[in-house]
Each structure stands twice: as structure tokens, then as C-alpha cells.
Protein backbone atom coordinates (compact mmCIF):
# COMPACT_ATOMS: atom_id res chain seq x y z
CA UNK A 1 -60.89 -3.25 -13.93
CA UNK A 2 -60.60 -1.87 -10.39
CA UNK A 3 -59.06 -5.11 -9.26
CA UNK A 4 -56.48 -4.90 -12.05
CA UNK A 5 -55.67 -1.28 -11.13
CA UNK A 6 -55.28 -2.22 -7.46
CA UNK A 7 -53.02 -5.18 -8.24
CA UNK A 8 -50.96 -3.04 -10.60
CA UNK A 9 -50.55 -0.38 -7.89
CA UNK A 10 -49.42 -2.99 -5.33
CA UNK A 11 -47.01 -4.53 -7.85
CA UNK A 12 -45.45 -1.16 -8.73
CA UNK A 13 -45.12 -0.26 -5.05
CA UNK A 14 -43.35 -3.56 -4.31
CA UNK A 15 -41.00 -3.14 -7.26
CA UNK A 16 -40.11 0.41 -6.25
CA UNK A 17 -39.29 -0.69 -2.69
CA UNK A 18 -37.20 -3.70 -3.64
CA UNK A 19 -33.44 -3.30 -3.38
CA UNK A 20 -31.48 -2.64 -6.53
CA UNK A 21 -29.08 -5.44 -7.40
CA UNK A 22 -25.58 -4.50 -6.24
CA UNK A 23 -26.77 -1.45 -4.26
CA UNK A 24 -25.65 -2.99 -0.96
CA UNK A 25 -22.07 -3.41 -2.15
CA UNK A 26 -19.54 -0.74 -1.39
CA UNK A 27 -17.90 0.74 -4.48
CA UNK A 28 -14.64 -0.93 -5.37
CA UNK A 29 -11.48 1.11 -5.49
CA UNK A 30 -10.01 1.83 -8.88
CA UNK A 31 -6.60 0.43 -9.81
CA UNK A 32 -3.65 2.78 -9.36
CA UNK A 33 -1.08 2.96 -12.17
CA UNK A 34 1.99 5.19 -11.86
CA UNK A 35 4.63 5.38 -14.58
CA UNK A 36 8.13 6.86 -14.30
CA UNK A 37 11.09 6.77 -16.65
CA UNK A 38 12.42 3.61 -15.02
CA UNK A 39 9.40 1.61 -13.84
CA UNK A 40 5.66 1.15 -13.77
CA UNK A 41 3.92 0.64 -10.41
CA UNK A 42 0.45 -0.91 -10.18
CA UNK A 43 -1.90 -1.32 -7.24
CA UNK A 44 -4.67 -3.58 -8.56
CA UNK A 45 -8.33 -3.05 -7.76
CA UNK A 46 -8.17 -6.06 -5.41
CA UNK A 47 -5.56 -4.26 -3.24
CA UNK A 48 -4.10 -7.64 -2.23
CA UNK A 49 -0.70 -7.14 -3.89
CA UNK A 50 1.62 -4.53 -5.36
CA UNK A 51 3.26 -4.92 -8.76
CA UNK A 52 6.07 -3.15 -10.58
CA UNK A 53 7.69 -3.52 -13.99
CA UNK A 54 11.34 -2.46 -14.22
CA UNK A 55 12.40 -0.96 -17.54
CA UNK A 56 16.02 -1.83 -16.64
CA UNK A 57 15.48 -5.56 -16.12
CA UNK A 58 12.37 -5.93 -18.28
CA UNK A 59 10.72 -8.01 -15.55
CA UNK A 60 7.69 -7.82 -13.29
CA UNK A 61 8.03 -7.97 -9.51
CA UNK A 62 5.18 -8.35 -7.06
CA UNK A 63 4.60 -8.60 -3.34
CA UNK A 64 1.52 -9.61 -1.40
CA UNK A 65 0.00 -7.12 1.01
CA UNK A 66 0.54 -8.66 4.45
CA UNK A 67 -2.30 -9.41 6.82
CA UNK A 68 -5.75 -7.97 6.37
CA UNK A 69 -5.46 -4.18 6.27
CA UNK A 70 -8.52 -2.20 7.34
CA UNK A 71 -10.88 -0.82 4.72
CA UNK A 72 -9.74 2.66 5.79
CA UNK A 73 -6.06 1.78 5.20
CA UNK A 74 -6.86 0.37 1.77
CA UNK A 75 -8.96 3.42 0.86
CA UNK A 76 -6.07 5.76 1.79
CA UNK A 77 -3.49 3.70 -0.10
CA UNK A 78 -1.46 6.05 -2.31
CA UNK A 79 2.04 5.21 -3.59
CA UNK A 80 4.75 7.86 -3.94
CA UNK A 81 7.43 7.51 -6.61
CA UNK A 82 10.61 9.11 -7.94
CA UNK A 83 12.24 8.15 -11.22
CA UNK A 84 13.66 4.85 -9.88
CA UNK A 85 12.14 4.31 -6.42
CA UNK A 86 8.68 3.88 -4.96
CA UNK A 87 6.99 3.54 -1.59
CA UNK A 88 3.48 2.37 -0.85
CA UNK A 89 2.26 2.70 2.74
CA UNK A 90 -0.52 0.26 3.67
CA UNK A 91 -1.61 0.91 7.25
CA UNK A 92 1.51 0.39 9.38
CA UNK A 93 3.50 -1.34 6.61
CA UNK A 94 5.83 0.55 4.28
CA UNK A 95 6.48 -1.28 1.00
CA UNK A 96 9.51 0.02 -0.90
CA UNK A 97 10.46 -0.78 -4.49
CA UNK A 98 13.64 -0.22 -6.51
CA UNK A 99 13.68 -0.48 -10.29
CA UNK A 100 17.44 -1.20 -10.24
CA UNK A 101 17.18 -4.25 -7.96
CA UNK A 102 13.64 -5.06 -9.15
CA UNK A 103 12.86 -5.84 -5.53
CA UNK A 104 10.11 -5.05 -3.00
CA UNK A 105 10.72 -4.93 0.75
CA UNK A 106 8.28 -4.42 3.63
CA UNK A 107 9.03 -2.45 6.79
CA UNK A 108 6.53 -3.07 9.61
CA UNK A 109 6.07 -0.02 11.86
CA UNK A 110 4.88 -0.78 15.41
CA UNK A 111 1.47 0.59 16.43
CA UNK A 112 2.72 2.77 19.29
CA UNK A 113 5.18 4.89 17.31
CA UNK A 114 5.06 7.86 14.96
CA UNK A 115 6.70 7.59 11.56
CA UNK A 116 7.38 9.56 8.42
CA UNK A 117 8.84 8.66 5.05
CA UNK A 118 10.17 10.23 1.87
CA UNK A 119 11.35 9.15 -1.56
CA UNK A 120 14.55 10.27 -3.26
CA UNK A 121 15.99 9.41 -6.65
CA UNK A 122 18.21 6.63 -5.21
CA UNK A 123 16.60 5.69 -1.89
CA UNK A 124 13.46 5.54 0.21
CA UNK A 125 13.79 6.83 3.78
CA UNK A 126 11.67 6.17 6.89
CA UNK A 127 12.07 7.71 10.33
CA UNK A 128 10.45 6.05 13.34
CA UNK A 129 10.03 7.91 16.65
CA UNK A 130 9.25 5.85 19.77
CA UNK A 131 7.27 7.21 22.74
CA UNK A 132 10.55 7.40 24.67
CA UNK A 133 11.89 9.79 22.02
CA UNK A 134 14.34 7.34 20.44
CA UNK A 135 14.77 7.55 16.68
CA UNK A 136 15.37 4.85 14.14
CA UNK A 137 16.35 5.66 10.56
CA UNK A 138 15.63 3.10 7.84
CA UNK A 139 16.77 3.21 4.21
CA UNK A 140 15.91 1.17 1.17
CA UNK A 141 18.48 2.01 -1.51
CA UNK A 142 18.58 1.67 -5.26
CA UNK A 143 20.42 -1.69 -5.06
CA UNK A 144 18.86 -2.91 -1.79
CA UNK A 145 17.14 -6.22 -1.24
CA UNK A 146 15.59 -5.19 2.09
CA UNK A 147 15.19 -2.21 4.40
CA UNK A 148 18.13 -1.54 6.73
CA UNK A 149 18.55 1.02 9.45
CA UNK A 150 20.22 2.26 12.56
CA UNK A 151 18.99 2.95 16.07
CA UNK A 152 20.28 6.45 16.84
CA UNK A 153 20.32 5.88 20.61
CA UNK A 154 22.40 2.68 20.60
CA UNK A 155 24.06 2.66 17.17
CA UNK A 156 22.77 -0.85 16.54
CA UNK A 157 22.12 -1.78 12.92
CA UNK A 158 18.56 -2.81 12.12
CA UNK A 159 16.91 -4.79 9.33
CA UNK A 160 13.25 -5.02 8.48
CA UNK A 161 13.09 -8.83 8.56
CA UNK A 162 15.47 -9.97 11.27
CA UNK A 163 15.04 -7.32 13.95
CA UNK A 164 18.06 -5.81 15.64
CA UNK A 165 21.51 -6.88 14.52
CA UNK A 166 24.91 -5.89 15.83
């Protein structure tokens, strides 16, 4: 009987010290769903893409999240919306969406600069400040297909995808 009690004690000790299945995994982020009068924006639990459904067109639009954002960037991911526009910052990338055009566009912000953004009813705005103090203003409008902007120091027109244009 003592042997049985000793073996039972050892067994219970081993079971209590064994890891719980799934305990080593970090908790997964919950999906984000935001609804406005003109669209529905979804950030899935996987955080690998952004989706939107336009009430105007009746279609879904999606874009993949570029690169491999840090766990911190994905944890802080929080879209901002107005009735027809949305912006979702992921690390140094600003993803804008318009329910009128049904289009996503990504603006990559360089590491060495400060930036801010805001959302209006008909546009998304981003301001980028370089270390030298130069400012760039970018807009993504209600009918836009991509971000466009202007360098305030030189007056050159800028696009998110093609760099500086004249």
C-alpha cells in the first residue's frame, strides 16, 4: 500500500509540473470589425491582410500587409475611420481605404522621419517631417487610387508608389 501511495504521489507531482497544452503560445489578437454608413472594415485575427466592403459598390476589397511587421506593430494595430474613409497604420506603413473608389493604397514612411495622420469625410491626410525640417503632405481622396502628395520645400509632386514626380 505504501508503494502505491508513493507512486501515486510521484505521478501527481509529475502531472502538476507538466506544461499545459497551449500555455506556451502567446494569445492571438482578436479580429477588428468597424462599420460605418458606407463601408465595413475588417482586420482579421491573422493580421496578414486588411479587408473592406463598400456599401456603394457592393464589393469586397483587400490588401496584403507588406513585409513582416513586428509583433509590437501588430499588437498596436488600430484603424481609424470616418463615414467613407479609413486608415490603418501598421508600423511604418499607412494603409488608406475609400468606400467610393473601393480601393486600398499603402504609403511607406521612412524610418528616420516623424509622421502624423488624420481622417476626414472625403480624404485621409498624412504629414511627414524629415530630420532636416522639410515637410511632405500626402492625401488619399474619396476617388483616389493611390496616395499623392507634395514636397513643401521643392513643390515636387509625390506618389506613394513611384517616388518623386515632376
